[in-house]
């Protein structure tokens, strides 16, 4: 071990002398600089190979960060698109409503409906049931009967709510009925689901009803379940069969019932909170003296 000390010292001295000699030669002779550039060129692939893991790691980190940023921006843009769609959907209804309200002196002001955004996470595979599952539940304020819409129109209402998910009954389900009115003239009807995602029907429409193909159907606000003025469907066909007392009217939903992924849940006519358990004994306690006196 001690024998290596002088040997290492000689090697360092020789390397130092060679380094000084090369620097002096490069300063005096241009050929040395030319040879040095060629040696650097030969070493370049080794330098690239040594730097490759670091550059690969940096590229992977940047790509992942950019992907996450794009996904976040995508979610924000979709949410903003839903909000803007919700704001613009009532415009046609407002125009028609203003025409009718000009004759009224004390027309009530339209109120703004609060909402939260949601996303579809599951569908019902029963061909006779038009239901889907969304990722908002009781923790976000969802409640049974809560109206739901997409960027194009009304989709349906919640029929089951758990802490973190909810089940949405679509307006195309045969068990769903929605009060609507014709935006052109204010005629009111009931839009019944047909079991098909692309079709609704209007029940009990008299022959004298002023209806046209292409008429816009909007929520009438009756039933206190859906707010007034949101688009529901457009009348697609009007037929009459001999011997039948009513017209056969079909409409096409404006909401993309079988394609929409992002939805809006509207806070409208929320159910009143039930009395707490702590209040119930007090009511019973007030009744006990009466029962005692009667005894």
Protein backbone atom coordinates (compact mmCIF):
# COMPACT_ATOMS: atom_id res chain seq x y z
CA UNK A 1 0.00 0.00 0.00
CA UNK A 2 2.90 2.36 0.80
CA UNK A 3 4.62 1.41 -2.48
CA UNK A 4 1.80 2.92 -4.49
CA UNK A 5 2.26 6.41 -3.07
CA UNK A 6 5.38 7.42 -5.04
CA UNK A 7 4.01 5.70 -8.18
CA UNK A 8 0.79 7.74 -8.04
CA UNK A 9 2.79 10.87 -7.47
CA UNK A 10 4.90 10.23 -10.57
CA UNK A 11 1.76 9.64 -12.64
CA UNK A 12 0.25 12.92 -11.49
CA UNK A 13 3.50 14.78 -12.26
CA UNK A 14 3.68 13.27 -15.75
CA UNK A 15 0.01 14.16 -16.43
CA UNK A 16 0.64 17.71 -15.22
CA UNK A 17 3.68 18.12 -17.48
CA UNK A 18 1.81 16.71 -20.48
CA UNK A 19 -1.14 19.03 -19.83
CA UNK A 20 1.08 22.09 -19.68
CA UNK A 21 2.93 20.95 -22.82
CA UNK A 22 -0.35 20.45 -24.73
CA UNK A 23 -1.65 23.88 -23.71
CA UNK A 24 1.59 25.49 -24.81
CA UNK A 25 1.60 23.56 -28.09
CA UNK A 26 -2.05 24.51 -28.77
CA UNK A 27 -1.13 28.11 -28.18
CA UNK A 28 1.85 28.00 -30.58
CA UNK A 29 0.76 25.47 -33.24
CA UNK A 30 -2.64 25.50 -35.01
CA UNK A 31 -2.36 21.80 -35.87
CA UNK A 32 -2.79 20.88 -32.23
CA UNK A 33 -6.08 22.79 -32.07
CA UNK A 34 -7.23 21.00 -35.25
CA UNK A 35 -6.38 17.61 -33.74
CA UNK A 36 -8.19 18.60 -30.53
CA UNK A 37 -11.39 19.36 -32.47
CA UNK A 38 -11.29 15.91 -34.09
CA UNK A 39 -10.77 14.25 -30.73
CA UNK A 40 -13.75 16.19 -29.38
CA UNK A 41 -15.81 14.93 -32.31
CA UNK A 42 -14.89 11.35 -31.48
CA UNK A 43 -15.88 11.86 -27.84
CA UNK A 44 -19.23 13.45 -28.72
CA UNK A 45 -21.20 10.14 -29.06
CA UNK A 46 -19.93 9.08 -25.66
CA UNK A 47 -21.05 12.38 -24.16
CA UNK A 48 -24.46 11.99 -25.78
CA UNK A 49 -24.78 8.45 -24.48
CA UNK A 50 -23.82 9.57 -20.98
CA UNK A 51 -26.37 12.41 -21.10
CA UNK A 52 -29.15 10.29 -22.61
CA UNK A 53 -30.66 9.01 -19.30
CA UNK A 54 -30.86 12.53 -17.90
CA UNK A 55 -32.39 13.97 -21.06
CA UNK A 56 -34.86 11.06 -21.28
CA UNK A 57 -35.95 11.63 -17.69
CA UNK A 58 -36.40 15.35 -18.29
CA UNK A 59 -38.41 14.69 -21.45
CA UNK A 60 -40.65 12.22 -19.61
CA UNK A 61 -41.26 14.67 -16.76
CA UNK A 62 -42.07 17.51 -19.17
CA UNK A 63 -44.39 15.29 -21.23
CA UNK A 64 -46.26 14.13 -18.13
CA UNK A 65 -46.57 17.68 -16.84
CA UNK A 66 -47.84 18.91 -20.20
CA UNK A 67 -50.33 16.04 -20.42
CA UNK A 68 -51.69 16.75 -16.94
CA UNK A 69 -51.93 20.44 -17.81
CA UNK A 70 -53.81 19.67 -21.01
CA UNK A 71 -56.20 17.32 -19.19
CA UNK A 72 -56.90 19.96 -16.55
CA UNK A 73 -57.49 22.63 -19.19
CA UNK A 74 -59.75 20.21 -21.06
CA UNK A 75 -61.87 19.64 -17.95
CA UNK A 76 -62.10 23.37 -17.28
CA UNK A 77 -63.11 24.12 -20.87
CA UNK A 78 -65.81 21.46 -20.83
CA UNK A 79 -67.15 22.83 -17.56
CA UNK A 80 -67.19 26.35 -18.98
CA UNK A 81 -68.92 25.11 -22.12
CA UNK A 82 -71.68 23.55 -20.01
CA UNK A 83 -72.09 26.77 -18.03
CA UNK A 84 -72.32 28.88 -21.20
CA UNK A 85 -74.78 26.42 -22.73
CA UNK A 86 -76.96 26.60 -19.62
CA UNK A 87 -76.96 30.40 -19.83
CA UNK A 88 -77.84 30.46 -23.54
CA UNK A 89 -80.53 27.76 -23.55
CA UNK A 90 -83.15 29.98 -21.92
CA UNK A 91 -82.71 32.82 -24.42
CA UNK A 92 -85.35 31.59 -26.88
CA UNK A 93 -87.74 31.00 -24.00
CA UNK A 94 -87.06 34.47 -22.62
CA UNK A 95 -87.89 36.09 -25.96
CA UNK A 96 -91.23 34.29 -26.24
CA UNK A 97 -92.01 34.90 -22.59
CA UNK A 98 -91.33 38.63 -22.84
CA UNK A 99 -93.87 38.92 -25.63
CA UNK A 100 -96.54 37.48 -23.34
CA UNK A 101 -95.41 39.39 -20.26
CA UNK A 102 -95.47 42.85 -21.86
CA UNK A 103 -99.21 42.95 -21.18
CA UNK A 104 -98.71 42.22 -17.50
CA UNK A 105 -97.83 45.02 -15.12
CA UNK A 106 -96.43 43.01 -12.24
CA UNK A 107 -94.54 40.20 -13.93
CA UNK A 108 -92.21 38.42 -11.54
CA UNK A 109 -88.47 38.56 -12.26
CA UNK A 110 -86.80 35.35 -13.41
CA UNK A 111 -84.43 33.92 -10.85
CA UNK A 112 -81.02 32.37 -11.49
CA UNK A 113 -80.79 28.63 -10.79
CA UNK A 114 -77.64 27.37 -9.06
CA UNK A 115 -76.04 24.17 -10.32
CA UNK A 116 -73.09 21.80 -10.07
CA UNK A 117 -71.38 19.87 -12.86
CA UNK A 118 -71.28 16.08 -13.03
CA UNK A 119 -70.01 13.27 -15.22
CA UNK A 120 -71.57 9.99 -16.34
CA UNK A 121 -69.79 6.98 -14.87
CA UNK A 122 -72.19 4.13 -15.67
CA UNK A 123 -75.19 3.07 -17.73
CA UNK A 124 -78.06 0.69 -17.12
CA UNK A 125 -77.84 -2.38 -19.34
CA UNK A 126 -81.57 -3.09 -19.01
CA UNK A 127 -82.98 -2.38 -22.50
CA UNK A 128 -86.35 -1.45 -20.97
CA UNK A 129 -84.91 1.15 -18.59
CA UNK A 130 -83.40 4.50 -19.61
CA UNK A 131 -81.14 5.27 -16.63
CA UNK A 132 -77.51 6.30 -16.10
CA UNK A 133 -75.23 6.85 -13.10
CA UNK A 134 -73.42 10.14 -12.44
CA UNK A 135 -70.55 10.93 -10.09
CA UNK A 136 -72.32 13.45 -7.84
CA UNK A 137 -74.23 12.46 -4.72
CA UNK A 138 -75.53 13.61 -1.38
CA UNK A 139 -72.11 14.98 -0.39
CA UNK A 140 -72.46 17.65 -3.10
CA UNK A 141 -76.09 18.45 -2.30
CA UNK A 142 -77.79 16.16 -4.83
CA UNK A 143 -81.35 15.13 -3.95
CA UNK A 144 -84.09 12.93 -5.37
CA UNK A 145 -86.02 14.79 -8.05
CA UNK A 146 -83.09 17.09 -8.91
CA UNK A 147 -83.35 18.17 -12.59
CA UNK A 148 -80.38 17.37 -14.83
CA UNK A 149 -79.46 18.71 -18.27
CA UNK A 150 -76.57 18.66 -20.72
CA UNK A 151 -75.25 21.33 -23.08
CA UNK A 152 -78.27 20.93 -25.40
CA UNK A 153 -81.33 20.40 -23.22
CA UNK A 154 -83.07 18.62 -20.36
CA UNK A 155 -81.91 15.05 -19.70
CA UNK A 156 -84.07 13.94 -16.77
CA UNK A 157 -84.15 13.85 -12.98
CA UNK A 158 -82.47 11.97 -10.16
CA UNK A 159 -84.41 9.01 -8.79
CA UNK A 160 -81.80 7.59 -6.42
CA UNK A 161 -79.05 9.36 -4.46
CA UNK A 162 -76.14 7.88 -2.50
CA UNK A 163 -73.33 9.77 -0.74
CA UNK A 164 -71.12 9.95 -3.84
CA UNK A 165 -73.20 8.84 -6.85
CA UNK A 166 -76.74 9.27 -8.16
CA UNK A 167 -79.00 7.49 -10.62
CA UNK A 168 -80.52 9.62 -13.37
CA UNK A 169 -83.86 8.72 -14.98
CA UNK A 170 -83.79 10.00 -18.56
CA UNK A 171 -86.77 11.77 -20.11
CA UNK A 172 -86.90 8.99 -22.72
CA UNK A 173 -87.81 6.37 -20.09
CA UNK A 174 -91.41 5.14 -20.31
CA UNK A 175 -91.89 5.96 -16.61
CA UNK A 176 -90.93 9.62 -17.08
CA UNK A 177 -93.42 12.37 -17.87
CA UNK A 178 -92.47 16.03 -18.21
CA UNK A 179 -94.77 19.09 -18.39
CA UNK A 180 -93.78 21.11 -21.47
CA UNK A 181 -95.14 23.97 -23.50
CA UNK A 182 -94.76 25.05 -27.10
CA UNK A 183 -92.39 27.98 -27.17
CA UNK A 184 -94.19 29.57 -30.13
CA UNK A 185 -97.65 29.90 -28.62
CA UNK A 186 -97.51 28.65 -25.01
CA UNK A 187 -99.68 25.53 -25.46
CA UNK A 188 -99.02 23.07 -22.63
CA UNK A 189 -98.74 19.29 -22.90
CA UNK A 190 -97.13 16.28 -21.22
CA UNK A 191 -94.04 14.82 -22.89
CA UNK A 192 -93.92 11.08 -22.22
CA UNK A 193 -90.87 8.86 -22.68
CA UNK A 194 -91.11 6.24 -25.40
CA UNK A 195 -88.30 3.93 -24.28
CA UNK A 196 -86.10 5.16 -27.14
CA UNK A 197 -83.34 7.74 -26.64
CA UNK A 198 -84.31 9.66 -29.78
CA UNK A 199 -88.06 9.96 -29.31
CA UNK A 200 -90.73 11.41 -26.99
CA UNK A 201 -94.46 11.54 -27.47
CA UNK A 202 -97.12 14.08 -26.54
CA UNK A 203 -100.22 12.58 -24.97
CA UNK A 204 -103.83 13.73 -25.40
CA UNK A 205 -103.23 16.35 -28.08
CA UNK A 206 -106.55 17.51 -29.61
CA UNK A 207 -106.97 17.79 -33.37
CA UNK A 208 -107.43 21.55 -33.13
CA UNK A 209 -104.07 22.13 -31.41
CA UNK A 210 -101.87 24.68 -33.16
CA UNK A 211 -98.77 22.55 -33.64
CA UNK A 212 -96.15 22.48 -36.38
CA UNK A 213 -93.26 20.22 -37.12
CA UNK A 214 -90.11 21.84 -35.77
CA UNK A 215 -91.85 23.60 -32.87
CA UNK A 216 -89.60 23.94 -29.82
CA UNK A 217 -90.85 22.36 -26.60
CA UNK A 218 -89.58 23.90 -23.36
CA UNK A 219 -90.19 23.14 -19.70
CA UNK A 220 -93.38 24.79 -18.51
CA UNK A 221 -92.38 24.97 -14.85
CA UNK A 222 -95.58 23.20 -13.79
CA UNK A 223 -95.22 20.43 -11.27
CA UNK A 224 -92.47 22.37 -9.44
CA UNK A 225 -89.84 19.85 -10.51
CA UNK A 226 -88.18 21.52 -13.54
CA UNK A 227 -87.56 25.29 -13.85
CA UNK A 228 -89.33 27.17 -16.61
CA UNK A 229 -87.83 27.82 -20.02
CA UNK A 230 -85.28 25.03 -20.60
CA UNK A 231 -85.37 23.33 -24.03
CA UNK A 232 -86.64 19.76 -24.09
CA UNK A 233 -87.37 18.64 -27.66
CA UNK A 234 -88.55 19.59 -31.12
CA UNK A 235 -91.71 18.19 -32.69
CA UNK A 236 -90.66 15.76 -35.41
CA UNK A 237 -94.00 14.40 -36.70
CA UNK A 238 -97.74 15.07 -36.39
CA UNK A 239 -100.13 12.40 -37.67
CA UNK A 240 -103.78 11.56 -37.21
CA UNK A 241 -105.31 8.12 -37.48
CA UNK A 242 -108.92 7.82 -38.45
CA UNK A 243 -111.16 6.99 -35.56
CA UNK A 244 -108.71 8.31 -32.97
CA UNK A 245 -109.75 11.33 -30.88
CA UNK A 246 -106.20 12.68 -30.46
CA UNK A 247 -103.21 13.48 -32.66
CA UNK A 248 -100.16 11.25 -32.69
CA UNK A 249 -97.34 13.72 -31.95
CA UNK A 250 -93.70 12.69 -31.66
CA UNK A 251 -90.73 14.83 -30.66
CA UNK A 252 -86.96 14.46 -30.75
CA UNK A 253 -85.10 15.28 -27.50
CA UNK A 254 -82.53 18.05 -27.82
CA UNK A 255 -80.27 16.56 -25.14
CA UNK A 256 -77.80 13.94 -26.35
CA UNK A 257 -79.26 11.26 -24.11
CA UNK A 258 -77.12 8.43 -25.46
CA UNK A 259 -73.90 10.41 -25.99
CA UNK A 260 -73.52 13.18 -23.40
CA UNK A 261 -70.87 12.61 -20.74
CA UNK A 262 -70.89 15.88 -18.79
CA UNK A 263 -74.09 17.22 -17.21
CA UNK A 264 -75.45 20.01 -15.03
CA UNK A 265 -77.45 19.34 -11.87
CA UNK A 266 -79.84 22.22 -11.13
CA UNK A 267 -80.71 23.22 -7.56
CA UNK A 268 -84.41 23.93 -8.06
CA UNK A 269 -87.24 23.43 -5.57
CA UNK A 270 -85.05 21.54 -3.11
CA UNK A 271 -86.98 19.42 -0.58
CA UNK A 272 -87.36 20.96 2.86
CA UNK A 273 -85.22 19.32 5.56
CA UNK A 274 -87.14 17.00 7.80
CA UNK A 275 -87.49 17.74 11.52
CA UNK A 276 -84.53 16.53 13.53
CA UNK A 277 -84.87 13.74 16.04
CA UNK A 278 -84.15 16.15 18.88
CA UNK A 279 -87.32 18.11 18.03
CA UNK A 280 -89.61 15.06 17.97
CA UNK A 281 -89.44 14.24 21.72
CA UNK A 282 -90.39 17.86 22.52
CA UNK A 283 -93.55 17.55 20.41
CA UNK A 284 -94.42 14.28 22.13
CA UNK A 285 -93.65 15.85 25.48
CA UNK A 286 -96.13 18.64 24.82
CA UNK A 287 -98.80 16.08 23.96
CA UNK A 288 -98.29 13.96 27.08
CA UNK A 289 -99.87 16.47 29.53
CA UNK A 290 -102.94 16.66 27.33
CA UNK A 291 -103.27 12.90 27.33
CA UNK A 292 -102.78 12.88 31.11
CA UNK A 293 -105.47 15.50 31.62
CA UNK A 294 -107.86 13.58 29.42
CA UNK A 295 -107.21 10.58 31.53
